[in-house]
Every structure is written in structure tokens, then in C-alpha cells.
């Protein structure tokens, strides 16, 4: 999932950079699409890619479970302490 996020972020970075230099590179867009829209799309892809790459599932270490230590037997059994399992 992280690799996909990084790839999306790089594509967004390329789109954002290209939107600044479209006229210099000789790339023409249809009249209905402005270079500002391409830049906004690029920035959105950067944010989405970084969210996927860095957001992921956090790896939480499982805390060891405390197990009671009993003293006695039957109904007279009492907890005298805890130990980590």
C-alpha cells in the first residue's frame, strides 16, 4: 500500500510541475481545462499519495497480559499478585 501511495504522490508532483510549464513545453489543453485545474489535481494526488504512504495501519505492539497469582484452593483462593504472561 505504501508503494502505491508513493507512486500516486510522484504522479501528482509531476502533474503539478507540468501545470506550471505547459505553454513552454508546447502542450495544449482543451479550452475547457485550465492549467489551474491540472495543478489542483496534482496537489490533490500528492496529498492522497502521502496519506496512503504514511498513514497506513499503525503497528501497535500487544502489551503482555497480566495473569493473576492465586494463593490457596477452592473458595479460599485469593489473588496475591499479578505476573506478566
C-alpha atoms as a PDB file:
ATOM      1  CA  UNK A   1       0.000   0.000   0.000  1.00  0.00           C
ATOM      2  CA  UNK A   2       2.898   2.319   0.726  1.00  0.00           C
ATOM      3  CA  UNK A   3       4.365   1.790  -2.729  1.00  0.00           C
ATOM      4  CA  UNK A   4       1.057   2.711  -4.367  1.00  0.00           C
ATOM      5  CA  UNK A   5       0.909   5.842  -2.219  1.00  0.00           C
ATOM      6  CA  UNK A   6       4.402   6.902  -3.251  1.00  0.00           C
ATOM      7  CA  UNK A   7       3.605   6.292  -6.926  1.00  0.00           C
ATOM      8  CA  UNK A   8       0.438   8.401  -6.683  1.00  0.00           C
ATOM      9  CA  UNK A   9       2.380  11.184  -4.929  1.00  0.00           C
ATOM     10  CA  UNK A  10       5.049  11.196  -7.650  1.00  0.00           C
ATOM     11  CA  UNK A  11       2.395  11.359 -10.383  1.00  0.00           C
ATOM     12  CA  UNK A  12       0.789  14.273  -8.542  1.00  0.00           C
ATOM     13  CA  UNK A  13       4.152  16.015  -8.263  1.00  0.00           C
ATOM     14  CA  UNK A  14       4.747  15.592 -11.988  1.00  0.00           C
ATOM     15  CA  UNK A  15       1.270  16.964 -12.786  1.00  0.00           C
ATOM     16  CA  UNK A  16       1.756  19.959 -10.507  1.00  0.00           C
ATOM     17  CA  UNK A  17       5.151  20.717 -12.047  1.00  0.00           C
ATOM     18  CA  UNK A  18       3.848  20.309 -15.597  1.00  0.00           C
ATOM     19  CA  UNK A  19       0.928  22.650 -14.966  1.00  0.00           C
ATOM     20  CA  UNK A  20       3.397  25.488 -14.473  1.00  0.00           C
ATOM     21  CA  UNK A  21       5.253  24.813 -17.741  1.00  0.00           C
ATOM     22  CA  UNK A  22       2.553  23.621 -20.133  1.00  0.00           C
ATOM     23  CA  UNK A  23       2.994  26.535 -22.546  1.00  0.00           C
ATOM     24  CA  UNK A  24       6.793  26.230 -22.541  1.00  0.00           C
ATOM     25  CA  UNK A  25       6.630  22.510 -23.322  1.00  0.00           C
ATOM     26  CA  UNK A  26       4.204  23.033 -26.187  1.00  0.00           C
ATOM     27  CA  UNK A  27       1.434  21.007 -24.568  1.00  0.00           C
ATOM     28  CA  UNK A  28      -2.021  22.378 -25.288  1.00  0.00           C
ATOM     29  CA  UNK A  29      -5.064  21.507 -23.241  1.00  0.00           C
ATOM     30  CA  UNK A  30      -8.668  21.722 -24.384  1.00  0.00           C
ATOM     31  CA  UNK A  31     -10.186  25.149 -23.779  1.00  0.00           C
ATOM     32  CA  UNK A  32     -12.430  23.845 -21.003  1.00  0.00           C
ATOM     33  CA  UNK A  33      -9.461  22.597 -18.933  1.00  0.00           C
ATOM     34  CA  UNK A  34      -7.327  25.313 -17.375  1.00  0.00           C
ATOM     35  CA  UNK A  35      -3.809  24.778 -16.078  1.00  0.00           C
ATOM     36  CA  UNK A  36      -5.069  25.720 -12.607  1.00  0.00           C
ATOM     37  CA  UNK A  37      -7.293  22.626 -12.629  1.00  0.00           C
ATOM     38  CA  UNK A  38      -4.315  20.464 -13.542  1.00  0.00           C
ATOM     39  CA  UNK A  39      -2.336  21.970 -10.656  1.00  0.00           C
ATOM     40  CA  UNK A  40      -5.196  21.367  -8.206  1.00  0.00           C
ATOM     41  CA  UNK A  41      -5.434  17.761  -9.399  1.00  0.00           C
ATOM     42  CA  UNK A  42      -1.687  17.363  -8.940  1.00  0.00           C
ATOM     43  CA  UNK A  43      -1.767  18.749  -5.413  1.00  0.00           C
ATOM     44  CA  UNK A  44      -4.730  16.525  -4.549  1.00  0.00           C
ATOM     45  CA  UNK A  45      -2.833  13.486  -5.839  1.00  0.00           C
ATOM     46  CA  UNK A  46       0.217  14.458  -3.772  1.00  0.00           C
ATOM     47  CA  UNK A  47      -1.904  14.698  -0.620  1.00  0.00           C
ATOM     48  CA  UNK A  48      -3.684  11.418  -1.371  1.00  0.00           C
ATOM     49  CA  UNK A  49      -0.426   9.621  -2.113  1.00  0.00           C
ATOM     50  CA  UNK A  50       1.284  10.840   1.038  1.00  0.00           C
ATOM     51  CA  UNK A  51      -1.757   9.921   3.101  1.00  0.00           C
ATOM     52  CA  UNK A  52      -1.671   6.386   1.721  1.00  0.00           C
ATOM     53  CA  UNK A  53       2.091   6.079   2.069  1.00  0.00           C
ATOM     54  CA  UNK A  54       2.472   7.491   5.544  1.00  0.00           C
ATOM     55  CA  UNK A  55      -0.974   6.907   7.024  1.00  0.00           C
ATOM     56  CA  UNK A  56      -1.204   3.133   6.818  1.00  0.00           C
ATOM     57  CA  UNK A  57      -2.165   0.997   9.744  1.00  0.00           C
ATOM     58  CA  UNK A  58      -0.176   1.751  12.849  1.00  0.00           C
ATOM     59  CA  UNK A  59       1.712  -1.222  14.185  1.00  0.00           C
ATOM     60  CA  UNK A  60       0.868  -1.452  17.863  1.00  0.00           C
ATOM     61  CA  UNK A  61       2.780  -3.921  19.951  1.00  0.00           C
ATOM     62  CA  UNK A  62       0.490  -6.085  22.000  1.00  0.00           C
ATOM     63  CA  UNK A  63       1.034  -5.452  25.686  1.00  0.00           C
ATOM     64  CA  UNK A  64       1.701  -8.600  27.617  1.00  0.00           C
ATOM     65  CA  UNK A  65      -1.330  -9.749  29.538  1.00  0.00           C
ATOM     66  CA  UNK A  66      -1.237  -9.749  33.304  1.00  0.00           C
ATOM     67  CA  UNK A  67      -2.159 -13.067  34.846  1.00  0.00           C
ATOM     68  CA  UNK A  68      -3.256 -13.264  38.485  1.00  0.00           C
ATOM     69  CA  UNK A  69      -1.258 -15.282  41.018  1.00  0.00           C
ATOM     70  CA  UNK A  70      -3.534 -17.160  43.378  1.00  0.00           C
ATOM     71  CA  UNK A  71      -2.869 -18.450  46.855  1.00  0.00           C
ATOM     72  CA  UNK A  72      -4.994 -21.187  48.370  1.00  0.00           C
ATOM     73  CA  UNK A  73      -7.545 -23.515  46.812  1.00  0.00           C
ATOM     74  CA  UNK A  74     -11.270 -23.559  46.243  1.00  0.00           C
ATOM     75  CA  UNK A  75     -13.349 -20.776  47.763  1.00  0.00           C
ATOM     76  CA  UNK A  76     -10.451 -19.693  49.969  1.00  0.00           C
ATOM     77  CA  UNK A  77      -8.371 -18.824  46.936  1.00  0.00           C
ATOM     78  CA  UNK A  78      -7.159 -15.187  46.872  1.00  0.00           C
ATOM     79  CA  UNK A  79      -5.234 -13.133  44.379  1.00  0.00           C
ATOM     80  CA  UNK A  80      -1.868 -12.208  45.852  1.00  0.00           C
ATOM     81  CA  UNK A  81      -0.280 -10.583  42.814  1.00  0.00           C
ATOM     82  CA  UNK A  82      -0.005 -10.388  39.058  1.00  0.00           C
ATOM     83  CA  UNK A  83       2.643 -11.531  36.641  1.00  0.00           C
ATOM     84  CA  UNK A  84       3.125 -10.707  33.014  1.00  0.00           C
ATOM     85  CA  UNK A  85       2.492 -13.621  30.720  1.00  0.00           C
END
